[in-house]
Amino acid sequence: MSHLNEKTIETKTIYEGKIIEVHVESVQLPNGKEGMREVVKHPGAVAVIPKMDDGKYLFVRQFRKPLDRTIVEIPAGKLEKGEDPKETAKRELYEETGYTCQQLNHIISFYTSPGFANEIIHLYEASNLTEGVQQTDEDEFVDVLKLTLDEAQKLVEQQQIIDAKTAYAVLYLQAKK
């Protein structure tokens, strides 16, 4: 056990929603004093970097209410209970873009905001794509974009790509060049 660990004394669930739970936790700090932590529990998510045969990548443009604006992202979505992240990645790629893939490689898994949330995102790269019909959820509205890596980088610079998972994906692709 690390000398930095905090021991949970009590947990109170203050919100249970469709996607997240919010807990307030009383903790014993490493110095023996008591503290409070607000923790968002999330089931986890996947994100996919779909590479087309011509070297372009698939992105989606959608409105994000917490930001109150439209942004460009890589396809992504939440894990369903008990679902394997690889299966979630295939499902989300198909639902959001209409494409399926023959190859799906896990790149990395990372936590989005460990200061207050336990959300983990599993990032995959998809290739050998086959076009189909987009099957978005009834409350999901997205445009599919086909971009070169240079075009995606310009969208980062123009602050149209502003979420961490997509910015990470662009950096990953640049490093791989």
N, C-alpha and C. Protein backbone atom coordinates (compact mmCIF):
# COMPACT_ATOMS: atom_id res chain seq x y z
N MET A 1 0.85 -1.19 0.00
CA MET A 1 0.00 0.00 0.00
C MET A 1 0.90 1.25 0.00
N SER A 2 0.59 2.18 -0.86
CA SER A 2 1.37 3.40 -0.99
C SER A 2 1.11 4.35 0.17
N HIS A 3 2.12 5.11 0.52
CA HIS A 3 1.95 6.11 1.58
C HIS A 3 1.06 7.27 1.12
N LEU A 4 0.67 7.27 -0.14
CA LEU A 4 -0.20 8.33 -0.67
C LEU A 4 -1.67 7.93 -0.72
N ASN A 5 -1.98 6.67 -0.46
CA ASN A 5 -3.36 6.18 -0.56
C ASN A 5 -4.30 6.89 0.42
N GLU A 6 -5.55 6.96 -0.01
CA GLU A 6 -6.62 7.48 0.83
C GLU A 6 -7.59 6.33 1.12
N LYS A 7 -7.94 6.16 2.38
CA LYS A 7 -8.87 5.10 2.78
C LYS A 7 -10.29 5.66 2.77
N THR A 8 -11.19 4.96 2.08
CA THR A 8 -12.59 5.38 2.04
C THR A 8 -13.25 5.03 3.37
N ILE A 9 -13.87 6.03 3.98
CA ILE A 9 -14.58 5.85 5.24
C ILE A 9 -16.07 5.61 4.97
N GLU A 10 -16.62 6.42 4.06
CA GLU A 10 -18.06 6.33 3.76
C GLU A 10 -18.29 6.82 2.33
N THR A 11 -19.23 6.18 1.64
CA THR A 11 -19.61 6.58 0.29
C THR A 11 -21.11 6.85 0.26
N LYS A 12 -21.48 8.01 -0.27
CA LYS A 12 -22.90 8.34 -0.46
C LYS A 12 -23.14 8.56 -1.95
N THR A 13 -24.10 7.83 -2.50
CA THR A 13 -24.48 8.04 -3.88
C THR A 13 -25.47 9.19 -3.92
N ILE A 14 -25.12 10.27 -4.65
CA ILE A 14 -26.02 11.42 -4.70
C ILE A 14 -26.77 11.53 -6.02
N TYR A 15 -26.33 10.75 -7.03
CA TYR A 15 -27.04 10.76 -8.31
C TYR A 15 -26.77 9.45 -9.04
N GLU A 16 -27.83 8.83 -9.58
CA GLU A 16 -27.71 7.66 -10.43
C GLU A 16 -28.46 7.94 -11.71
N GLY A 17 -27.72 8.12 -12.80
CA GLY A 17 -28.33 8.42 -14.09
C GLY A 17 -28.20 7.26 -15.05
N LYS A 18 -28.56 7.53 -16.30
CA LYS A 18 -28.50 6.51 -17.34
C LYS A 18 -27.05 6.14 -17.67
N ILE A 19 -26.14 7.11 -17.56
CA ILE A 19 -24.75 6.88 -17.92
C ILE A 19 -23.81 6.95 -16.72
N ILE A 20 -24.01 7.88 -15.83
CA ILE A 20 -23.07 8.08 -14.72
C ILE A 20 -23.75 7.97 -13.36
N GLU A 21 -22.90 7.77 -12.35
CA GLU A 21 -23.28 7.90 -10.95
C GLU A 21 -22.35 8.92 -10.33
N VAL A 22 -22.85 9.69 -9.38
CA VAL A 22 -22.02 10.64 -8.66
C VAL A 22 -22.04 10.26 -7.19
N HIS A 23 -20.85 10.10 -6.63
CA HIS A 23 -20.68 9.73 -5.23
C HIS A 23 -19.93 10.83 -4.50
N VAL A 24 -20.24 11.00 -3.22
CA VAL A 24 -19.43 11.82 -2.33
C VAL A 24 -18.80 10.84 -1.34
N GLU A 25 -17.49 10.87 -1.27
CA GLU A 25 -16.78 9.93 -0.41
C GLU A 25 -16.02 10.66 0.68
N SER A 26 -16.21 10.19 1.92
CA SER A 26 -15.38 10.65 3.03
C SER A 26 -14.15 9.77 3.03
N VAL A 27 -12.97 10.37 3.10
CA VAL A 27 -11.74 9.60 3.05
C VAL A 27 -10.81 10.01 4.18
N GLN A 28 -9.98 9.06 4.58
CA GLN A 28 -8.90 9.37 5.51
C GLN A 28 -7.68 9.66 4.67
N LEU A 29 -7.13 10.86 4.83
CA LEU A 29 -5.98 11.31 4.06
C LEU A 29 -4.70 10.69 4.60
N PRO A 30 -3.63 10.70 3.82
CA PRO A 30 -2.35 10.12 4.28
C PRO A 30 -1.84 10.72 5.60
N ASN A 31 -2.23 11.97 5.88
CA ASN A 31 -1.77 12.59 7.13
C ASN A 31 -2.70 12.29 8.32
N GLY A 32 -3.71 11.43 8.10
CA GLY A 32 -4.62 11.04 9.17
C GLY A 32 -5.87 11.89 9.26
N LYS A 33 -5.90 13.03 8.58
CA LYS A 33 -7.09 13.89 8.61
C LYS A 33 -8.14 13.34 7.66
N GLU A 34 -9.36 13.91 7.76
CA GLU A 34 -10.47 13.48 6.91
C GLU A 34 -10.66 14.48 5.77
N GLY A 35 -11.04 13.96 4.61
CA GLY A 35 -11.33 14.80 3.46
C GLY A 35 -12.56 14.30 2.73
N MET A 36 -13.03 15.08 1.77
CA MET A 36 -14.19 14.70 0.95
C MET A 36 -13.77 14.65 -0.51
N ARG A 37 -14.30 13.68 -1.23
CA ARG A 37 -14.03 13.54 -2.66
C ARG A 37 -15.36 13.38 -3.39
N GLU A 38 -15.51 14.12 -4.47
CA GLU A 38 -16.66 13.94 -5.36
C GLU A 38 -16.18 13.08 -6.52
N VAL A 39 -16.84 11.95 -6.74
CA VAL A 39 -16.37 10.97 -7.72
C VAL A 39 -17.49 10.65 -8.71
N VAL A 40 -17.16 10.75 -10.00
CA VAL A 40 -18.09 10.37 -11.06
C VAL A 40 -17.71 8.96 -11.51
N LYS A 41 -18.67 8.04 -11.41
CA LYS A 41 -18.47 6.66 -11.86
C LYS A 41 -19.05 6.53 -13.27
N HIS A 42 -18.26 5.98 -14.19
CA HIS A 42 -18.64 5.85 -15.60
C HIS A 42 -18.31 4.42 -16.04
N PRO A 43 -19.12 3.81 -16.89
CA PRO A 43 -18.87 2.42 -17.28
C PRO A 43 -17.68 2.22 -18.22
N GLY A 44 -17.11 3.30 -18.71
CA GLY A 44 -16.01 3.21 -19.67
C GLY A 44 -16.50 3.39 -21.09
N ALA A 45 -15.55 3.59 -21.99
CA ALA A 45 -15.90 3.88 -23.37
C ALA A 45 -14.81 3.37 -24.30
N VAL A 46 -15.09 3.43 -25.58
CA VAL A 46 -14.12 3.12 -26.61
C VAL A 46 -14.06 4.29 -27.58
N ALA A 47 -12.96 4.36 -28.30
CA ALA A 47 -12.81 5.32 -29.39
C ALA A 47 -12.06 4.60 -30.50
N VAL A 48 -12.37 4.96 -31.74
CA VAL A 48 -11.82 4.24 -32.89
C VAL A 48 -11.22 5.23 -33.89
N ILE A 49 -10.01 4.90 -34.34
CA ILE A 49 -9.36 5.65 -35.43
C ILE A 49 -9.54 4.80 -36.69
N PRO A 50 -10.54 5.10 -37.52
CA PRO A 50 -10.78 4.29 -38.72
C PRO A 50 -9.95 4.80 -39.91
N LYS A 51 -9.04 3.96 -40.40
CA LYS A 51 -8.19 4.33 -41.53
C LYS A 51 -8.73 3.70 -42.81
N MET A 52 -8.97 4.56 -43.79
CA MET A 52 -9.47 4.10 -45.07
C MET A 52 -8.31 3.64 -45.96
N ASP A 53 -8.62 2.89 -47.00
CA ASP A 53 -7.58 2.38 -47.90
C ASP A 53 -6.81 3.49 -48.60
N ASP A 54 -7.44 4.65 -48.81
CA ASP A 54 -6.78 5.77 -49.49
C ASP A 54 -5.93 6.61 -48.54
N GLY A 55 -5.81 6.18 -47.27
CA GLY A 55 -4.99 6.90 -46.31
C GLY A 55 -5.73 7.95 -45.51
N LYS A 56 -6.98 8.23 -45.87
CA LYS A 56 -7.78 9.18 -45.08
C LYS A 56 -8.35 8.47 -43.86
N TYR A 57 -8.86 9.26 -42.93
CA TYR A 57 -9.44 8.74 -41.69
C TYR A 57 -10.88 9.22 -41.57
N LEU A 58 -11.70 8.40 -40.93
CA LEU A 58 -13.10 8.78 -40.69
C LEU A 58 -13.21 9.50 -39.35
N PHE A 59 -13.90 10.63 -39.37
CA PHE A 59 -14.22 11.40 -38.19
C PHE A 59 -15.71 11.65 -38.21
N VAL A 60 -16.25 12.08 -37.10
CA VAL A 60 -17.66 12.47 -37.04
C VAL A 60 -17.76 13.89 -36.48
N ARG A 61 -18.74 14.60 -36.98
CA ARG A 61 -19.02 15.94 -36.46
C ARG A 61 -20.38 15.84 -35.77
N GLN A 62 -20.42 16.31 -34.50
CA GLN A 62 -21.68 16.26 -33.77
C GLN A 62 -21.75 17.36 -32.72
N PHE A 63 -22.97 17.68 -32.34
CA PHE A 63 -23.23 18.69 -31.32
C PHE A 63 -23.03 18.05 -29.96
N ARG A 64 -22.31 18.74 -29.08
CA ARG A 64 -22.08 18.27 -27.72
C ARG A 64 -22.67 19.28 -26.74
N LYS A 65 -23.77 18.90 -26.11
CA LYS A 65 -24.50 19.80 -25.22
C LYS A 65 -23.65 20.37 -24.08
N PRO A 66 -22.80 19.56 -23.40
CA PRO A 66 -22.00 20.17 -22.33
C PRO A 66 -21.13 21.33 -22.80
N LEU A 67 -20.73 21.30 -24.08
CA LEU A 67 -19.92 22.39 -24.65
C LEU A 67 -20.79 23.42 -25.36
N ASP A 68 -22.04 23.04 -25.64
CA ASP A 68 -23.00 23.86 -26.38
C ASP A 68 -22.47 24.27 -27.75
N ARG A 69 -21.81 23.29 -28.41
CA ARG A 69 -21.28 23.53 -29.75
C ARG A 69 -21.04 22.23 -30.48
N THR A 70 -20.81 22.34 -31.77
CA THR A 70 -20.51 21.20 -32.62
C THR A 70 -18.99 21.05 -32.72
N ILE A 71 -18.52 19.81 -32.58
CA ILE A 71 -17.09 19.54 -32.68
C ILE A 71 -16.85 18.33 -33.58
N VAL A 72 -15.60 18.13 -33.97
CA VAL A 72 -15.19 16.98 -34.78
C VAL A 72 -14.46 16.01 -33.86
N GLU A 73 -14.83 14.73 -33.96
CA GLU A 73 -14.27 13.69 -33.10
C GLU A 73 -14.03 12.42 -33.89
N ILE A 74 -13.28 11.49 -33.29
CA ILE A 74 -13.24 10.14 -33.83
C ILE A 74 -14.48 9.41 -33.29
N PRO A 75 -14.96 8.39 -33.99
CA PRO A 75 -16.11 7.64 -33.50
C PRO A 75 -15.83 7.06 -32.12
N ALA A 76 -16.82 7.12 -31.25
CA ALA A 76 -16.64 6.65 -29.88
C ALA A 76 -17.99 6.36 -29.25
N GLY A 77 -17.95 5.63 -28.14
CA GLY A 77 -19.19 5.37 -27.42
C GLY A 77 -18.94 4.59 -26.15
N LYS A 78 -19.97 4.52 -25.35
CA LYS A 78 -19.89 3.92 -24.02
C LYS A 78 -20.00 2.41 -24.08
N LEU A 79 -19.28 1.78 -23.17
CA LEU A 79 -19.37 0.33 -23.00
C LEU A 79 -20.72 -0.03 -22.39
N GLU A 80 -21.34 -1.05 -22.91
CA GLU A 80 -22.54 -1.59 -22.28
C GLU A 80 -22.07 -2.58 -21.21
N LYS A 81 -22.91 -2.79 -20.21
CA LYS A 81 -22.53 -3.68 -19.10
C LYS A 81 -22.13 -5.06 -19.62
N GLY A 82 -20.93 -5.50 -19.24
CA GLY A 82 -20.44 -6.81 -19.63
C GLY A 82 -19.91 -6.92 -21.05
N GLU A 83 -19.93 -5.83 -21.81
CA GLU A 83 -19.52 -5.87 -23.21
C GLU A 83 -17.99 -5.76 -23.32
N ASP A 84 -17.41 -6.58 -24.18
CA ASP A 84 -15.99 -6.52 -24.46
C ASP A 84 -15.68 -5.22 -25.23
N PRO A 85 -14.66 -4.46 -24.81
CA PRO A 85 -14.35 -3.20 -25.49
C PRO A 85 -14.14 -3.33 -27.00
N LYS A 86 -13.57 -4.44 -27.44
CA LYS A 86 -13.36 -4.64 -28.89
C LYS A 86 -14.69 -4.72 -29.62
N GLU A 87 -15.67 -5.38 -29.01
CA GLU A 87 -17.01 -5.47 -29.61
C GLU A 87 -17.69 -4.10 -29.61
N THR A 88 -17.49 -3.36 -28.53
CA THR A 88 -18.04 -2.00 -28.46
C THR A 88 -17.44 -1.14 -29.57
N ALA A 89 -16.15 -1.27 -29.80
CA ALA A 89 -15.48 -0.49 -30.84
C ALA A 89 -16.07 -0.80 -32.22
N LYS A 90 -16.28 -2.08 -32.51
CA LYS A 90 -16.89 -2.47 -33.79
C LYS A 90 -18.30 -1.90 -33.91
N ARG A 91 -19.06 -2.02 -32.82
CA ARG A 91 -20.45 -1.53 -32.83
C ARG A 91 -20.50 -0.03 -33.04
N GLU A 92 -19.69 0.71 -32.30
CA GLU A 92 -19.71 2.17 -32.42
C GLU A 92 -19.23 2.63 -33.79
N LEU A 93 -18.21 1.99 -34.33
CA LEU A 93 -17.74 2.33 -35.68
C LEU A 93 -18.88 2.18 -36.68
N TYR A 94 -19.59 1.06 -36.60
CA TYR A 94 -20.70 0.81 -37.52
C TYR A 94 -21.86 1.79 -37.30
N GLU A 95 -22.27 1.96 -36.04
CA GLU A 95 -23.41 2.84 -35.77
C GLU A 95 -23.15 4.27 -36.22
N GLU A 96 -21.96 4.80 -35.90
CA GLU A 96 -21.69 6.21 -36.17
C GLU A 96 -21.28 6.49 -37.61
N THR A 97 -20.62 5.53 -38.28
CA THR A 97 -20.12 5.81 -39.63
C THR A 97 -20.74 4.94 -40.71
N GLY A 98 -21.30 3.80 -40.32
CA GLY A 98 -21.80 2.85 -41.30
C GLY A 98 -20.73 1.89 -41.80
N TYR A 99 -19.51 2.04 -41.34
CA TYR A 99 -18.41 1.19 -41.79
C TYR A 99 -18.17 0.03 -40.83
N THR A 100 -17.74 -1.10 -41.40
CA THR A 100 -17.24 -2.22 -40.62
C THR A 100 -15.75 -2.35 -40.93
N CYS A 101 -15.04 -3.13 -40.10
CA CYS A 101 -13.60 -3.28 -40.32
C CYS A 101 -13.20 -4.74 -40.26
N GLN A 102 -12.16 -5.08 -41.00
CA GLN A 102 -11.59 -6.42 -40.96
C GLN A 102 -10.51 -6.52 -39.90
N GLN A 103 -9.87 -5.39 -39.59
CA GLN A 103 -8.79 -5.40 -38.61
C GLN A 103 -9.04 -4.32 -37.57
N LEU A 104 -8.86 -4.70 -36.30
CA LEU A 104 -9.06 -3.77 -35.19
C LEU A 104 -7.96 -4.02 -34.17
N ASN A 105 -7.10 -3.02 -33.98
CA ASN A 105 -5.97 -3.17 -33.07
C ASN A 105 -6.09 -2.20 -31.90
N HIS A 106 -5.92 -2.74 -30.69
CA HIS A 106 -5.93 -1.91 -29.49
C HIS A 106 -4.63 -1.10 -29.44
N ILE A 107 -4.75 0.20 -29.20
CA ILE A 107 -3.58 1.07 -29.11
C ILE A 107 -3.21 1.30 -27.66
N ILE A 108 -4.17 1.79 -26.87
CA ILE A 108 -3.92 2.13 -25.48
C ILE A 108 -5.26 2.33 -24.78
N SER A 109 -5.25 2.23 -23.47
CA SER A 109 -6.40 2.59 -22.65
C SER A 109 -5.95 3.68 -21.70
N PHE A 110 -6.78 4.70 -21.52
CA PHE A 110 -6.39 5.82 -20.66
C PHE A 110 -7.60 6.38 -19.93
N TYR A 111 -7.32 7.03 -18.80
CA TYR A 111 -8.37 7.66 -18.01
C TYR A 111 -8.53 9.11 -18.44
N THR A 112 -9.77 9.55 -18.56
CA THR A 112 -10.02 10.89 -19.11
C THR A 112 -9.79 12.01 -18.10
N SER A 113 -10.24 11.84 -16.89
CA SER A 113 -10.15 12.90 -15.86
C SER A 113 -10.02 12.26 -14.49
N PRO A 114 -8.87 11.67 -14.16
CA PRO A 114 -8.75 10.89 -12.93
C PRO A 114 -8.86 11.71 -11.63
N GLY A 115 -8.90 13.02 -11.74
CA GLY A 115 -9.08 13.84 -10.55
C GLY A 115 -10.48 13.75 -9.98
N PHE A 116 -11.46 13.36 -10.82
CA PHE A 116 -12.84 13.27 -10.32
C PHE A 116 -13.67 12.16 -10.96
N ALA A 117 -13.13 11.46 -11.96
CA ALA A 117 -13.92 10.44 -12.65
C ALA A 117 -13.09 9.19 -12.90
N ASN A 118 -13.76 8.03 -12.98
CA ASN A 118 -13.07 6.78 -13.26
C ASN A 118 -13.26 6.34 -14.71
N GLU A 119 -13.74 7.22 -15.60
CA GLU A 119 -13.95 6.84 -16.99
C GLU A 119 -12.63 6.45 -17.65
N ILE A 120 -12.64 5.27 -18.26
CA ILE A 120 -11.50 4.80 -19.04
C ILE A 120 -11.94 4.71 -20.49
N ILE A 121 -11.06 5.09 -21.40
CA ILE A 121 -11.33 4.97 -22.83
C ILE A 121 -10.31 4.00 -23.42
N HIS A 122 -10.81 3.03 -24.17
CA HIS A 122 -9.99 2.06 -24.87
C HIS A 122 -9.90 2.53 -26.33
N LEU A 123 -8.71 2.88 -26.78
CA LEU A 123 -8.50 3.42 -28.12
C LEU A 123 -8.05 2.33 -29.07
N TYR A 124 -8.73 2.24 -30.22
CA TYR A 124 -8.44 1.24 -31.25
C TYR A 124 -8.16 1.91 -32.58
N GLU A 125 -7.42 1.21 -33.42
CA GLU A 125 -7.23 1.62 -34.80
C GLU A 125 -7.89 0.56 -35.68
N ALA A 126 -8.76 1.00 -36.58
CA ALA A 126 -9.50 0.10 -37.46
C ALA A 126 -9.00 0.28 -38.90
N SER A 127 -8.88 -0.84 -39.63
CA SER A 127 -8.47 -0.77 -41.03
C SER A 127 -9.20 -1.85 -41.82
N ASN A 128 -8.95 -1.85 -43.13
CA ASN A 128 -9.67 -2.73 -44.06
C ASN A 128 -11.18 -2.51 -43.88
N LEU A 129 -11.58 -1.27 -44.11
CA LEU A 129 -12.97 -0.85 -43.88
C LEU A 129 -13.87 -1.21 -45.06
N THR A 130 -15.12 -1.49 -44.74
CA THR A 130 -16.15 -1.72 -45.75
C THR A 130 -17.31 -0.79 -45.43
N GLU A 131 -17.74 -0.05 -46.45
CA GLU A 131 -18.82 0.93 -46.25
C GLU A 131 -20.17 0.24 -46.18
N GLY A 132 -20.99 0.72 -45.25
CA GLY A 132 -22.35 0.22 -45.10
C GLY A 132 -23.28 1.40 -44.88
N VAL A 133 -24.29 1.20 -44.06
CA VAL A 133 -25.28 2.24 -43.78
C VAL A 133 -25.18 2.64 -42.31
N GLN A 134 -25.04 3.92 -42.09
CA GLN A 134 -24.95 4.48 -40.74
C GLN A 134 -26.19 4.10 -39.93
N GLN A 135 -26.01 3.70 -38.67
CA GLN A 135 -27.11 3.23 -37.81
C GLN A 135 -27.08 3.95 -36.46
N THR A 136 -27.09 5.26 -36.46
CA THR A 136 -26.99 6.01 -35.20
C THR A 136 -28.19 5.74 -34.30
N ASP A 137 -27.99 5.96 -33.00
CA ASP A 137 -29.09 5.88 -32.05
C ASP A 137 -30.11 6.95 -32.40
N GLU A 138 -31.35 6.79 -31.93
CA GLU A 138 -32.41 7.74 -32.31
C GLU A 138 -32.19 9.15 -31.79
N ASP A 139 -31.34 9.30 -30.76
CA ASP A 139 -31.05 10.64 -30.23
C ASP A 139 -29.64 11.12 -30.61
N GLU A 140 -29.06 10.48 -31.63
CA GLU A 140 -27.69 10.78 -32.05
C GLU A 140 -27.70 11.26 -33.50
N PHE A 141 -27.10 12.41 -33.75
CA PHE A 141 -27.06 13.00 -35.07
C PHE A 141 -25.62 13.36 -35.39
N VAL A 142 -25.04 12.70 -36.40
CA VAL A 142 -23.63 12.93 -36.73
C VAL A 142 -23.43 13.00 -38.24
N ASP A 143 -22.47 13.82 -38.64
CA ASP A 143 -21.99 13.85 -40.02
C ASP A 143 -20.69 13.08 -40.06
N VAL A 144 -20.48 12.29 -41.09
CA VAL A 144 -19.23 11.56 -41.26
C VAL A 144 -18.31 12.37 -42.15
N LEU A 145 -17.06 12.52 -41.71
CA LEU A 145 -16.05 13.26 -42.47
C LEU A 145 -14.91 12.32 -42.83
N LYS A 146 -14.34 12.50 -44.02
CA LYS A 146 -13.15 11.75 -44.45
C LYS A 146 -12.04 12.78 -44.55
N LEU A 147 -11.03 12.65 -43.67
CA LEU A 147 -9.98 13.66 -43.57
C LEU A 147 -8.59 13.04 -43.68
N THR A 148 -7.68 13.80 -44.26
CA THR A 148 -6.27 13.42 -44.20
C THR A 148 -5.76 13.78 -42.82
N LEU A 149 -4.61 13.27 -42.48
CA LEU A 149 -4.00 13.62 -41.20
C LEU A 149 -3.71 15.12 -41.13
N ASP A 150 -3.25 15.71 -42.24
CA ASP A 150 -2.99 17.15 -42.27
C ASP A 150 -4.27 17.96 -42.05
N GLU A 151 -5.37 17.51 -42.65
CA GLU A 151 -6.66 18.20 -42.45
C GLU A 151 -7.10 18.09 -40.99
N ALA A 152 -6.90 16.93 -40.39
CA ALA A 152 -7.26 16.76 -38.98
C ALA A 152 -6.41 17.67 -38.10
N GLN A 153 -5.12 17.77 -38.40
CA GLN A 153 -4.24 18.65 -37.63
C GLN A 153 -4.71 20.10 -37.73
N LYS A 154 -5.15 20.52 -38.91
CA LYS A 154 -5.67 21.89 -39.08
C LYS A 154 -6.92 22.11 -38.22
N LEU A 155 -7.75 21.08 -38.10
CA LEU A 155 -8.95 21.20 -37.26
C LEU A 155 -8.59 21.30 -35.78
N VAL A 156 -7.49 20.66 -35.38
CA VAL A 156 -6.99 20.84 -34.01
C VAL A 156 -6.59 22.30 -33.83
N GLU A 157 -5.82 22.83 -34.77
CA GLU A 157 -5.34 24.21 -34.70
C GLU A 157 -6.50 25.21 -34.72
N GLN A 158 -7.57 24.89 -35.46
CA GLN A 158 -8.75 25.76 -35.55
C GLN A 158 -9.73 25.52 -34.40
N GLN A 159 -9.38 24.66 -33.48
CA GLN A 159 -10.18 24.31 -32.31
C GLN A 159 -11.56 23.77 -32.68
N GLN A 160 -11.59 22.99 -33.78
CA GLN A 160 -12.78 22.22 -34.10
C GLN A 160 -12.65 20.80 -33.55
N ILE A 161 -11.41 20.32 -33.40
CA ILE A 161 -11.10 19.11 -32.66
C ILE A 161 -10.56 19.59 -31.32
N ILE A 162 -11.35 19.38 -30.25
CA ILE A 162 -10.96 19.91 -28.94
C ILE A 162 -11.11 18.89 -27.81
N ASP A 163 -11.55 17.68 -28.12
CA ASP A 163 -11.67 16.69 -27.05
C ASP A 163 -10.38 15.89 -26.96
N ALA A 164 -10.08 15.40 -25.76
CA ALA A 164 -8.80 14.75 -25.49
C ALA A 164 -8.60 13.48 -26.30
N LYS A 165 -9.62 12.66 -26.44
CA LYS A 165 -9.43 11.38 -27.15
C LYS A 165 -9.07 11.61 -28.60
N THR A 166 -9.70 12.59 -29.24
CA THR A 166 -9.42 12.84 -30.65
C THR A 166 -8.08 13.54 -30.83
N ALA A 167 -7.77 14.50 -29.95
CA ALA A 167 -6.46 15.15 -30.01
C ALA A 167 -5.36 14.11 -29.80
N TYR A 168 -5.57 13.19 -28.86
CA TYR A 168 -4.61 12.11 -28.62
C TYR A 168 -4.44 11.27 -29.89
N ALA A 169 -5.56 10.93 -30.54
CA ALA A 169 -5.52 10.13 -31.75
C ALA A 169 -4.71 10.83 -32.85
N VAL A 170 -4.92 12.12 -33.02
CA VAL A 170 -4.17 12.87 -34.03
C VAL A 170 -2.69 12.86 -33.70
N LEU A 171 -2.34 13.08 -32.44
CA LEU A 171 -0.93 13.03 -32.03
C LEU A 171 -0.33 11.65 -32.27
N TYR A 172 -1.09 10.62 -31.95
CA TYR A 172 -0.64 9.24 -32.18
C TYR A 172 -0.34 9.02 -33.65
N LEU A 173 -1.25 9.45 -34.52
CA LEU A 173 -1.06 9.26 -35.97
C LEU A 173 0.14 10.04 -36.47
N GLN A 174 0.34 11.25 -35.96
CA GLN A 174 1.50 12.04 -36.37
C GLN A 174 2.81 11.36 -35.95
N ALA A 175 2.84 10.81 -34.75
CA ALA A 175 4.04 10.15 -34.26
C ALA A 175 4.34 8.88 -35.06
N LYS A 176 3.29 8.26 -35.59
CA LYS A 176 3.42 7.02 -36.35
C LYS A 176 3.91 7.24 -37.78
N LYS A 177 3.76 8.47 -38.27
CA LYS A 177 4.11 8.79 -39.67
C LYS A 177 5.52 8.41 -40.03
